[in-house]
C-alpha atoms as a PDB file:
ATOM      1  CA  MET A   1      53.894  20.104 -18.255  1.00  0.00           C
ATOM      2  CA  ALA A   2      52.491  19.621 -14.815  1.00  0.00           C
ATOM      3  CA  VAL A   3      52.217  16.279 -13.115  1.00  0.00           C
ATOM      4  CA  MET A   4      49.613  15.728 -10.441  1.00  0.00           C
ATOM      5  CA  LEU A   5      49.669  12.818  -8.066  1.00  0.00           C
ATOM      6  CA  PHE A   6      46.763  11.711  -5.895  1.00  0.00           C
ATOM      7  CA  SER A   7      46.721   9.130  -3.203  1.00  0.00           C
ATOM      8  CA  CYS A   8      44.077   7.616  -0.999  1.00  0.00           C
ATOM      9  CA  SER A   9      44.843   6.938   2.557  1.00  0.00           C
ATOM     10  CA  ASN A  10      43.020   4.007   4.134  1.00  0.00           C
ATOM     11  CA  PRO A  11      40.138   3.432   1.657  1.00  0.00           C
ATOM     12  CA  ASP A  12      38.743   0.628   3.837  1.00  0.00           C
ATOM     13  CA  ALA A  13      37.979   3.117   6.619  1.00  0.00           C
ATOM     14  CA  LEU A  14      36.147   5.361   4.134  1.00  0.00           C
ATOM     15  CA  ILE A  15      34.008   2.470   2.855  1.00  0.00           C
ATOM     16  CA  GLN A  16      33.152   1.385   6.389  1.00  0.00           C
ATOM     17  CA  ALA A  17      32.151   4.945   7.303  1.00  0.00           C
ATOM     18  CA  MET A  18      29.840   5.132   4.283  1.00  0.00           C
ATOM     19  CA  GLY A  19      28.031   1.982   5.430  1.00  0.00           C
ATOM     20  CA  SER A  20      27.555   3.032   9.033  1.00  0.00           C
ATOM     21  CA  ASP A  21      24.129   3.899  10.455  1.00  0.00           C
ATOM     22  CA  ASP A  22      25.193   7.519  10.870  1.00  0.00           C
ATOM     23  CA  THR A  23      25.622   8.108   7.126  1.00  0.00           C
ATOM     24  CA  LEU A  24      22.768   6.083   5.578  1.00  0.00           C
ATOM     25  CA  SER A  25      19.368   7.186   6.830  1.00  0.00           C
ATOM     26  CA  GLY A  26      17.372   5.839   3.929  1.00  0.00           C
ATOM     27  CA  ILE A  27      17.259   4.399   0.451  1.00  0.00           C
ATOM     28  CA  ILE A  28      15.396   5.791  -2.558  1.00  0.00           C
ATOM     29  CA  ALA A  29      14.479   3.461  -5.421  1.00  0.00           C
ATOM     30  CA  ASP A  30      12.524   4.174  -8.607  1.00  0.00           C
ATOM     31  CA  SER A  31      10.234   1.827 -10.565  1.00  0.00           C
ATOM     32  CA  VAL A  32       9.918  -0.761  -7.804  1.00  0.00           C
ATOM     33  CA  THR A  33       8.014  -4.043  -8.056  1.00  0.00           C
ATOM     34  CA  PHE A  34       7.770  -6.071  -4.875  1.00  0.00           C
ATOM     35  CA  TYR A  35       6.410  -9.627  -4.590  1.00  0.00           C
ATOM     36  CA  ARG A  36       5.329 -11.576  -1.518  1.00  0.00           C
ATOM     37  CA  SER A  37       4.986 -15.313  -1.979  1.00  0.00           C
ATOM     38  CA  ASP A  38       4.119 -18.388   0.019  1.00  0.00           C
ATOM     39  CA  SER A  39       5.644 -21.692  -1.093  1.00  0.00           C
ATOM     40  CA  GLY A  40       6.578 -20.107  -4.417  1.00  0.00           C
ATOM     41  CA  ILE A  41       3.048 -18.843  -5.136  1.00  0.00           C
ATOM     42  CA  VAL A  42       2.678 -15.053  -5.375  1.00  0.00           C
ATOM     43  CA  SER A  43       0.151 -13.715  -2.868  1.00  0.00           C
ATOM     44  CA  LEU A  44       0.866  -9.985  -3.201  1.00  0.00           C
ATOM     45  CA  GLU A  45       2.417  -7.710  -5.809  1.00  0.00           C
ATOM     46  CA  LEU A  46       3.208  -4.021  -5.241  1.00  0.00           C
ATOM     47  CA  HIS A  47       4.198  -1.485  -7.923  1.00  0.00           C
ATOM     48  CA  THR A  48       5.375   2.033  -7.161  1.00  0.00           C
ATOM     49  CA  PRO A  49       7.190   4.685  -9.203  1.00  0.00           C
ATOM     50  CA  ARG A  50       9.244   5.648  -6.114  1.00  0.00           C
ATOM     51  CA  MET A  51       9.965   3.994  -2.799  1.00  0.00           C
ATOM     52  CA  VAL A  52      11.795   5.624   0.097  1.00  0.00           C
ATOM     53  CA  ARG A  53      12.895   3.291   2.858  1.00  0.00           C
ATOM     54  CA  TRP A  54      13.784   4.844   6.187  1.00  0.00           C
ATOM     55  CA  GLU A  55      16.089   3.034   8.556  1.00  0.00           C
ATOM     56  CA  SER A  56      14.128   2.812  11.804  1.00  0.00           C
ATOM     57  CA  ASP A  57      12.741   0.337  14.293  1.00  0.00           C
ATOM     58  CA  ASP A  58       9.361   0.478  12.481  1.00  0.00           C
ATOM     59  CA  ASP A  59      10.867  -0.553   9.098  1.00  0.00           C
ATOM     60  CA  VAL A  60       9.138   2.375   7.346  1.00  0.00           C
ATOM     61  CA  MET A  61       8.713   2.505   3.563  1.00  0.00           C
ATOM     62  CA  GLU A  62       7.132   5.527   1.919  1.00  0.00           C
ATOM     63  CA  PHE A  63       5.537   5.660  -1.540  1.00  0.00           C
ATOM     64  CA  PRO A  64       5.435   9.423  -2.257  1.00  0.00           C
ATOM     65  CA  LEU A  65       4.275   9.007  -5.876  1.00  0.00           C
ATOM     66  CA  GLY A  66       1.589   6.432  -5.103  1.00  0.00           C
ATOM     67  CA  PHE A  67       1.308   2.678  -5.409  1.00  0.00           C
ATOM     68  CA  ASP A  68      -0.746  -0.197  -6.767  1.00  0.00           C
ATOM     69  CA  VAL A  69      -1.147  -3.452  -4.817  1.00  0.00           C
ATOM     70  CA  TYR A  70      -2.545  -6.656  -6.320  1.00  0.00           C
ATOM     71  CA  MET A  71      -3.562  -9.540  -4.052  1.00  0.00           C
ATOM     72  CA  TYR A  72      -3.820 -13.098  -5.327  1.00  0.00           C
ATOM     73  CA  ASP A  73      -5.444 -16.288  -4.127  1.00  0.00           C
ATOM     74  CA  HIS A  74      -4.005 -19.340  -5.887  1.00  0.00           C
ATOM     75  CA  GLN A  75      -2.627 -17.151  -8.718  1.00  0.00           C
ATOM     76  CA  LYS A  76      -6.020 -15.505  -9.308  1.00  0.00           C
ATOM     77  CA  LYS A  77      -6.174 -11.736  -8.771  1.00  0.00           C
ATOM     78  CA  THR A  78      -8.698 -11.073  -5.996  1.00  0.00           C
ATOM     79  CA  THR A  79      -8.163  -7.476  -4.916  1.00  0.00           C
ATOM     80  CA  GLU A  80      -6.490  -4.323  -6.196  1.00  0.00           C
ATOM     81  CA  ILE A  81      -5.587  -1.270  -4.083  1.00  0.00           C
ATOM     82  CA  HIS A  82      -4.515   2.079  -5.533  1.00  0.00           C
ATOM     83  CA  ALA A  83      -3.549   5.343  -3.803  1.00  0.00           C
ATOM     84  CA  ASP A  84      -1.675   8.546  -4.626  1.00  0.00           C
ATOM     85  CA  TYR A  85       0.516   8.232  -1.517  1.00  0.00           C
ATOM     86  CA  GLY A  86       1.359   5.436   0.872  1.00  0.00           C
ATOM     87  CA  LYS A  87       3.408   4.600   3.920  1.00  0.00           C
ATOM     88  CA  SER A  88       4.130   1.096   5.176  1.00  0.00           C
ATOM     89  CA  TYR A  89       5.109   0.298   8.743  1.00  0.00           C
ATOM     90  CA  GLY A  90       6.607  -3.168   8.339  1.00  0.00           C
ATOM     91  CA  ALA A  91       7.019  -3.898  12.042  1.00  0.00           C
ATOM     92  CA  LYS A  92       3.321  -3.173  12.638  1.00  0.00           C
ATOM     93  CA  GLY A  93       2.046  -4.768   9.415  1.00  0.00           C
ATOM     94  CA  LEU A  94       0.240  -1.499   8.618  1.00  0.00           C
ATOM     95  CA  LEU A  95      -0.144   0.257   5.270  1.00  0.00           C
ATOM     96  CA  GLU A  96      -1.489   3.802   5.294  1.00  0.00           C
ATOM     97  CA  ALA A  97      -2.947   5.108   2.004  1.00  0.00           C
ATOM     98  CA  HIS A  98      -3.929   8.692   1.104  1.00  0.00           C
ATOM     99  CA  GLY A  99      -5.418  10.420  -1.920  1.00  0.00           C
ATOM    100  CA  ASN A 100      -7.794   8.795  -4.406  1.00  0.00           C
ATOM    101  CA  VAL A 101      -7.801   5.476  -2.558  1.00  0.00           C
ATOM    102  CA  VAL A 102      -9.535   2.781  -4.587  1.00  0.00           C
ATOM    103  CA  VAL A 103      -9.986  -0.816  -3.406  1.00  0.00           C
ATOM    104  CA  GLN A 104     -11.496  -3.146  -5.990  1.00  0.00           C
ATOM    105  CA  ASN A 105     -12.626  -6.661  -5.110  1.00  0.00           C
ATOM    106  CA  PHE A 106     -12.944  -8.832  -8.217  1.00  0.00           C
ATOM    107  CA  GLY A 107     -14.782 -11.709  -6.504  1.00  0.00           C
ATOM    108  CA  SER A 108     -17.674  -9.602  -5.189  1.00  0.00           C
ATOM    109  CA  ASP A 109     -17.467  -6.913  -7.906  1.00  0.00           C
ATOM    110  CA  GLU A 110     -17.331  -4.192  -5.237  1.00  0.00           C
ATOM    111  CA  THR A 111     -15.209  -1.055  -5.364  1.00  0.00           C
ATOM    112  CA  MET A 112     -14.445   1.226  -2.431  1.00  0.00           C
ATOM    113  CA  TYR A 113     -13.485   4.892  -2.854  1.00  0.00           C
ATOM    114  CA  SER A 114     -12.065   7.086  -0.087  1.00  0.00           C
ATOM    115  CA  ASP A 115      -9.431   9.737   0.602  1.00  0.00           C
ATOM    116  CA  LYS A 116      -7.711   7.771   3.350  1.00  0.00           C
ATOM    117  CA  MET A 117      -7.442   4.126   4.357  1.00  0.00           C
ATOM    118  CA  PHE A 118      -5.485   1.979   6.811  1.00  0.00           C
ATOM    119  CA  TRP A 119      -4.784  -1.676   6.012  1.00  0.00           C
ATOM    120  CA  TYR A 120      -3.698  -4.019   8.799  1.00  0.00           C
ATOM    121  CA  GLN A 121      -2.136  -6.785   6.715  1.00  0.00           C
ATOM    122  CA  ASP A 122      -1.698  -9.347   9.506  1.00  0.00           C
ATOM    123  CA  LEU A 123      -5.348  -8.955  10.564  1.00  0.00           C
ATOM    124  CA  LYS A 124      -6.515  -8.741   6.909  1.00  0.00           C
ATOM    125  CA  MET A 125      -8.627  -5.704   7.887  1.00  0.00           C
ATOM    126  CA  ILE A 126      -9.024  -2.240   6.411  1.00  0.00           C
ATOM    127  CA  TYR A 127     -10.604   0.812   7.931  1.00  0.00           C
ATOM    128  CA  THR A 128     -11.154   4.494   7.281  1.00  0.00           C
ATOM    129  CA  ARG A 129     -12.553   7.350   9.323  1.00  0.00           C
ATOM    130  CA  SER A 130     -13.006   9.412   6.143  1.00  0.00           C
ATOM    131  CA  HIS A 131     -15.927   9.623   3.745  1.00  0.00           C
ATOM    132  CA  VAL A 132     -16.226   6.302   1.948  1.00  0.00           C
ATOM    133  CA  ARG A 133     -18.278   5.057  -1.004  1.00  0.00           C
ATOM    134  CA  ILE A 134     -18.815   1.450  -2.065  1.00  0.00           C
ATOM    135  CA  VAL A 135     -20.151   0.790  -5.543  1.00  0.00           C
ATOM    136  CA  THR A 136     -21.544  -2.541  -6.784  1.00  0.00           C
ATOM    137  CA  PRO A 137     -23.472  -3.327  -9.967  1.00  0.00           C
ATOM    138  CA  ASP A 138     -26.808  -2.727  -8.198  1.00  0.00           C
ATOM    139  CA  LYS A 139     -26.121  -0.329  -5.311  1.00  0.00           C
ATOM    140  CA  GLN A 140     -24.054   2.560  -4.043  1.00  0.00           C
ATOM    141  CA  ILE A 141     -23.436   3.046  -0.320  1.00  0.00           C
ATOM    142  CA  GLU A 142     -21.839   6.125   1.262  1.00  0.00           C
ATOM    143  CA  ALA A 143     -20.786   6.606   4.874  1.00  0.00           C
ATOM    144  CA  ASP A 144     -18.544   8.553   7.217  1.00  0.00           C
ATOM    145  CA  SER A 145     -16.345   5.566   8.091  1.00  0.00           C
ATOM    146  CA  LEU A 146     -15.786   1.879   7.403  1.00  0.00           C
ATOM    147  CA  GLU A 147     -14.305  -1.261   8.947  1.00  0.00           C
ATOM    148  CA  ALA A 148     -13.942  -4.237   6.610  1.00  0.00           C
ATOM    149  CA  ARG A 149     -12.172  -7.476   5.830  1.00  0.00           C
ATOM    150  CA  GLU A 150      -9.659  -6.866   3.057  1.00  0.00           C
ATOM    151  CA  ASP A 151     -11.754  -9.011   0.679  1.00  0.00           C
ATOM    152  CA  PHE A 152     -15.037  -7.154   1.543  1.00  0.00           C
ATOM    153  CA  SER A 153     -16.680 -10.424   2.612  1.00  0.00           C
ATOM    154  CA  GLU A 154     -17.793  -8.494   5.710  1.00  0.00           C
ATOM    155  CA  TYR A 155     -17.883  -4.765   6.349  1.00  0.00           C
ATOM    156  CA  THR A 156     -19.513  -2.251   8.639  1.00  0.00           C
ATOM    157  CA  MET A 157     -20.223   1.322   7.602  1.00  0.00           C
ATOM    158  CA  TYR A 158     -21.196   4.145   9.953  1.00  0.00           C
ATOM    159  CA  SER A 159     -23.553   7.119   9.401  1.00  0.00           C
ATOM    160  CA  GLY A 160     -24.369   6.055   5.877  1.00  0.00           C
ATOM    161  CA  SER A 161     -26.909   6.177   3.101  1.00  0.00           C
ATOM    162  CA  ALA A 162     -27.567   3.944   0.107  1.00  0.00           C
ATOM    163  CA  LEU A 163     -28.910   4.042  -3.431  1.00  0.00           C
ATOM    164  CA  LEU A 164     -30.377   0.720  -4.572  1.00  0.00           C
ATOM    165  CA  ASP A 165     -31.707  -0.493  -7.918  1.00  0.00           C
ATOM    166  CA  VAL A 166     -35.242  -1.809  -7.327  1.00  0.00           C
ATOM    167  CA  ASP A 167     -37.189  -3.876  -9.838  1.00  0.00           C
ATOM    168  CA  GLU A 168     -40.669  -2.292  -9.976  1.00  0.00           C
ATOM    169  CA  GLU A 169     -42.347  -5.626 -10.753  1.00  0.00           C
ATOM    170  CA  GLU A 170     -41.373  -7.129  -7.417  1.00  0.00           C
END
């Protein structure tokens, strides 16, 4: 029979080294749901299959498998944002979205489609310099770029065209 003995020397030093900035450059989490609330009332909900958080001055979070964001006003869902990839710069209040970007506004029944979008959360503004299409029940507008309030109450499109439903009797 053989007897083996193991010992740890100074486990506290090992634990401290594991927690230092030099050893932890980021955190990966799967199936994440994030809530933002004001006075206990949810104003934003984010779902992502994977979140990668990088330790940096910009407080960067990456959503390599996409994300869905739901915005609420007094517990009523107002806007939904979906993309195949996202990156959030917390210090700047900026969310960058790529791939099959869809922004749906439930109040105005408008939906925006694009390949890329930037959302400045503090300013409550979104913009894209990519092809963009907005669809409503009675029109479809396409353009090369867009600047808009996050709720689509106001937006400006550049180099665009539109298809409108026209009642022939009028």
